[in-house]
Structure formats: structure tokens, C-alpha cells
Protein backbone atom coordinates (compact mmCIF):
# COMPACT_ATOMS: atom_id res chain seq x y z
CA UNK A 1 61.38 34.94 -16.57
CA UNK A 2 57.71 35.91 -16.14
CA UNK A 3 56.41 39.35 -16.47
CA UNK A 4 54.47 41.17 -13.74
CA UNK A 5 51.43 41.22 -16.03
CA UNK A 6 51.34 37.39 -15.95
CA UNK A 7 51.27 37.37 -12.15
CA UNK A 8 48.39 39.88 -12.13
CA UNK A 9 46.39 37.73 -14.55
CA UNK A 10 47.10 34.57 -12.54
CA UNK A 11 45.95 36.23 -9.33
CA UNK A 12 42.84 37.50 -11.07
CA UNK A 13 42.04 33.95 -12.36
CA UNK A 14 42.42 32.51 -8.89
CA UNK A 15 40.10 35.19 -7.40
CA UNK A 16 37.53 34.47 -10.05
CA UNK A 17 37.78 30.71 -9.51
CA UNK A 18 37.23 31.31 -5.75
CA UNK A 19 34.17 33.51 -6.38
CA UNK A 20 32.72 30.94 -8.79
CA UNK A 21 33.41 28.12 -6.27
CA UNK A 22 31.68 29.99 -3.47
CA UNK A 23 28.68 30.66 -5.61
CA UNK A 24 28.49 26.99 -6.55
CA UNK A 25 28.60 25.91 -2.92
CA UNK A 26 25.91 28.47 -1.98
CA UNK A 27 23.75 27.21 -4.77
CA UNK A 28 24.04 23.63 -3.47
CA UNK A 29 22.65 24.78 -0.18
CA UNK A 30 19.39 26.07 -1.72
CA UNK A 31 16.29 23.99 -1.95
CA UNK A 32 14.10 23.39 -4.90
CA UNK A 33 10.60 24.75 -4.97
CA UNK A 34 8.07 22.49 -3.37
CA UNK A 35 4.56 22.07 -4.56
CA UNK A 36 2.16 24.37 -2.67
CA UNK A 37 0.28 23.08 0.29
CA UNK A 38 -3.00 21.60 -0.96
CA UNK A 39 -5.23 21.71 1.92
CA UNK A 40 -3.76 19.53 4.66
CA UNK A 41 -0.15 20.53 5.42
CA UNK A 42 0.80 19.30 8.86
CA UNK A 43 -2.75 19.87 10.21
CA UNK A 44 -5.94 18.26 9.03
CA UNK A 45 -8.10 21.24 10.21
CA UNK A 46 -8.53 22.58 6.69
CA UNK A 47 -9.29 19.15 5.17
CA UNK A 48 -12.55 19.09 3.18
CA UNK A 49 -14.66 15.96 3.52
CA UNK A 50 -15.73 14.00 0.48
CA UNK A 51 -17.29 10.66 -0.58
CA UNK A 52 -15.89 7.49 0.98
CA UNK A 53 -14.51 9.36 4.04
CA UNK A 54 -15.49 7.50 7.23
CA UNK A 55 -16.38 9.59 10.17
CA UNK A 56 -16.56 8.69 13.89
CA UNK A 57 -19.35 10.73 15.45
CA UNK A 58 -19.87 10.86 19.18
CA UNK A 59 -22.91 12.49 20.82
CA UNK A 60 -22.31 12.67 24.58
CA UNK A 61 -24.92 10.52 26.47
CA UNK A 62 -26.54 9.39 23.27
CA UNK A 63 -25.22 5.91 22.43
CA UNK A 64 -27.87 5.52 19.65
CA UNK A 65 -26.39 8.51 17.84
CA UNK A 66 -22.73 7.48 18.35
CA UNK A 67 -20.90 5.40 15.76
CA UNK A 68 -19.08 5.36 12.44
CA UNK A 69 -20.69 6.74 9.28
CA UNK A 70 -19.52 6.86 5.62
CA UNK A 71 -19.95 9.87 3.40
CA UNK A 72 -21.91 8.49 0.46
CA UNK A 73 -21.48 9.24 -3.23
CA UNK A 74 -23.90 12.10 -3.02
CA UNK A 75 -21.79 13.80 -0.38
CA UNK A 76 -24.18 13.09 2.55
CA UNK A 77 -24.37 10.73 5.46
CA UNK A 78 -27.59 9.01 6.56
CA UNK A 79 -27.81 9.90 10.24
CA UNK A 80 -30.46 8.94 12.80
CA UNK A 81 -33.11 11.56 13.67
CA UNK A 82 -31.98 14.12 10.99
CA UNK A 83 -31.77 11.87 7.93
CA UNK A 84 -29.35 12.76 5.15
CA UNK A 85 -27.00 15.58 6.16
CA UNK A 86 -24.39 17.11 3.85
CA UNK A 87 -20.71 16.53 4.65
CA UNK A 88 -18.82 16.83 1.32
CA UNK A 89 -17.01 20.14 0.87
CA UNK A 90 -17.10 20.91 4.64
CA UNK A 91 -14.23 20.86 7.14
CA UNK A 92 -14.69 18.59 10.15
CA UNK A 93 -15.43 21.66 12.30
CA UNK A 94 -18.05 22.93 9.88
CA UNK A 95 -19.72 19.57 9.68
CA UNK A 96 -19.68 19.19 13.47
CA UNK A 97 -21.42 22.54 13.81
CA UNK A 98 -23.99 21.62 11.02
CA UNK A 99 -24.75 18.32 12.82
CA UNK A 100 -25.05 19.99 16.22
CA UNK A 101 -27.52 22.51 14.73
CA UNK A 102 -29.63 19.75 13.18
CA UNK A 103 -29.66 17.71 16.43
CA UNK A 104 -30.68 20.80 18.37
CA UNK A 105 -34.22 20.32 17.01
CA UNK A 106 -34.40 17.00 18.89
CA UNK A 107 -31.91 17.28 21.78
CA UNK A 108 -31.21 20.05 24.26
CA UNK A 109 -27.70 21.37 23.84
CA UNK A 110 -26.18 18.35 22.16
CA UNK A 111 -22.44 17.80 22.65
CA UNK A 112 -21.07 16.49 19.37
CA UNK A 113 -17.58 15.33 18.48
CA UNK A 114 -16.60 14.29 14.93
CA UNK A 115 -13.24 12.95 13.61
CA UNK A 116 -12.18 11.22 10.46
CA UNK A 117 -11.75 7.54 11.18
CA UNK A 118 -10.65 6.64 7.73
CA UNK A 119 -9.87 9.00 4.83
CA UNK A 120 -11.00 8.16 1.25
CA UNK A 121 -8.49 6.17 -0.75
CA UNK A 122 -5.98 7.54 -3.23
CA UNK A 123 -5.35 6.17 -6.76
CA UNK A 124 -1.99 5.53 -8.42
CA UNK A 125 -1.39 4.54 -12.01
CA UNK A 126 1.29 4.67 -14.61
CA UNK A 127 4.86 3.44 -14.11
CA UNK A 128 4.52 1.61 -10.85
CA UNK A 129 4.54 -2.17 -10.13
CA UNK A 130 0.95 -2.44 -8.86
CA UNK A 131 -1.28 0.45 -9.98
CA UNK A 132 -4.64 0.66 -8.17
CA UNK A 133 -6.62 2.07 -5.27
CA UNK A 134 -4.96 2.15 -1.81
CA UNK A 135 -6.08 3.35 1.64
CA UNK A 136 -4.88 6.86 2.56
CA UNK A 137 -2.62 7.50 5.58
CA UNK A 138 -2.06 10.88 7.24
CA UNK A 139 0.97 12.81 5.83
CA UNK A 140 1.20 10.52 2.86
CA UNK A 141 3.87 11.62 0.28
CA UNK A 142 4.20 10.53 -3.37
CA UNK A 143 7.24 8.29 -2.45
CA UNK A 144 5.12 6.57 0.19
CA UNK A 145 2.35 6.04 -2.36
CA UNK A 146 4.78 4.63 -4.89
CA UNK A 147 6.19 2.24 -2.25
CA UNK A 148 2.72 1.14 -1.40
CA UNK A 149 2.17 0.34 -5.07
CA UNK A 150 5.28 -1.86 -5.22
CA UNK A 151 7.81 0.79 -6.34
CA UNK A 152 8.68 2.35 -9.63
CA UNK A 153 8.78 0.38 -12.88
CA UNK A 154 12.12 0.41 -14.76
CA UNK A 155 10.60 2.99 -17.19
CA UNK A 156 9.37 5.43 -14.52
CA UNK A 157 10.24 9.13 -14.60
CA UNK A 158 11.40 9.66 -11.03
CA UNK A 159 11.70 13.42 -11.40
CA UNK A 160 8.13 14.47 -12.08
CA UNK A 161 4.64 13.35 -10.96
CA UNK A 162 1.20 14.22 -12.21
CA UNK A 163 -1.53 14.67 -9.55
CA UNK A 164 -5.26 15.31 -9.99
CA UNK A 165 -7.06 16.26 -6.81
CA UNK A 166 -10.51 14.87 -6.04
CA UNK A 167 -12.03 18.37 -6.44
CA UNK A 168 -10.31 19.04 -9.79
CA UNK A 169 -10.89 17.90 -13.39
CA UNK A 170 -7.25 18.29 -14.62
CA UNK A 171 -4.01 16.88 -13.36
CA UNK A 172 -1.00 19.10 -12.69
CA UNK A 173 2.73 18.31 -12.90
CA UNK A 174 4.86 18.61 -9.71
CA UNK A 175 8.57 17.95 -8.99
CA UNK A 176 8.81 14.42 -7.40
CA UNK A 177 10.57 15.09 -4.16
CA UNK A 178 10.58 13.14 -0.89
CA UNK A 179 8.01 15.61 0.54
CA UNK A 180 5.63 15.98 -2.36
CA UNK A 181 2.27 15.53 -0.51
CA UNK A 182 -0.71 13.37 -1.43
CA UNK A 183 -4.30 14.13 -0.29
CA UNK A 184 -7.19 11.78 0.19
CA UNK A 185 -8.91 11.11 -3.10
CA UNK A 186 -5.92 12.21 -5.26
CA UNK A 187 -5.11 10.44 -8.46
CA UNK A 188 -1.31 10.09 -8.88
CA UNK A 189 0.27 9.26 -12.31
CA UNK A 190 3.87 8.28 -12.63
CA UNK A 191 4.92 9.04 -16.27
CA UNK A 192 7.43 7.26 -18.45
CA UNK A 193 10.89 8.64 -18.74
CA UNK A 194 12.36 9.65 -22.06
CA UNK A 195 15.42 7.67 -23.10
């Protein structure tokens, strides 16, 4: 015959198990921290131009000034009439205004439109099947980049990725999630897992 004290303890244990279970379920619903947005997010308006970016420049009613131009290794493009004009480090809007101002010395109220035709490539190395340089696509993620490089090697650490941005000298570690973003010019390194 069980004592009333035993029933009280049993009810208390059930209540504690329920609380722990609810807490565990709530924890499963939380998301892990994502790496911070690094300049592009869902919009390319904050993207900073750099060497190897290809720009499509249109000047209304000026076919000789309309075409595709590549940002050179010095961060400039060679443009008719104005010569070398700096593009690296500027947003598309800032570059458009800079080009419009430069052309104003030769044209009356030039109407200038600039867009990125092709972004500079990204680089991937480490534990992937085909390390190398690949063309960038808008909204690229690390998993897309790995797939482009033939997938993970059997030794790959699939939980962490190391990324060095084009404007930085050091790489930083990020959790490897389906939404970990890649920017043009990034160098991605997939490390080796520890056994």
C-alpha cells in the first residue's frame, strides 16, 4: 500500500517532466544565429563595386557612350570622353552620379543608367571536389557555391565555413547554414572535419 507522500512525489516528477518537455519543444523552434548581412542582403543597392565587375552603362541618345565596361585591377574603368574614372568602392548609384558629373563637362544634362552586368567571381577552396574560381550569381549562398564546386569532399566540415571578403585581409568563421550568404569576390574555405 503506497503512502500519500509517494503520490505527491510522483505528481511532482510528472509536472517537472512536462515543464522540461515543453522547454525542449520551445528550444527546437528557435533558430540559430545567422551571420550578419555583409553588404548585399536581398538588395544590391549597397553593393560596392570592385575589380572584375562588368558594368552595363547606357547614356540616352549617345550610342558611342553606351556599352559594357569592366572595372580594372586599379579600380577604374576606361570610359570614352572622360578617360579613367574610379568605380571601386562606390555603389552603383554613387558611380552613376560620378559618371554623370564627369560627362556634364561634355554633354548637356546627360541621362546615365548603370547596372552590374556580371559580378566579380568568387573563390572556393578546401574540402570541395573542384576548388577554383567561379562566376558569381545574385543571392548566392555557401551551399550553392559548394554545389557549383562539385560538392563536399568526404573530409569536409559541414558545420562551419571560413570566408574572407574582397575588402578584408583576414577570413572569419561562420556557421554553415542553408542561408549563409556569399558576396562577389569572397574567398570561401571549407575546412576539414575532426574525426
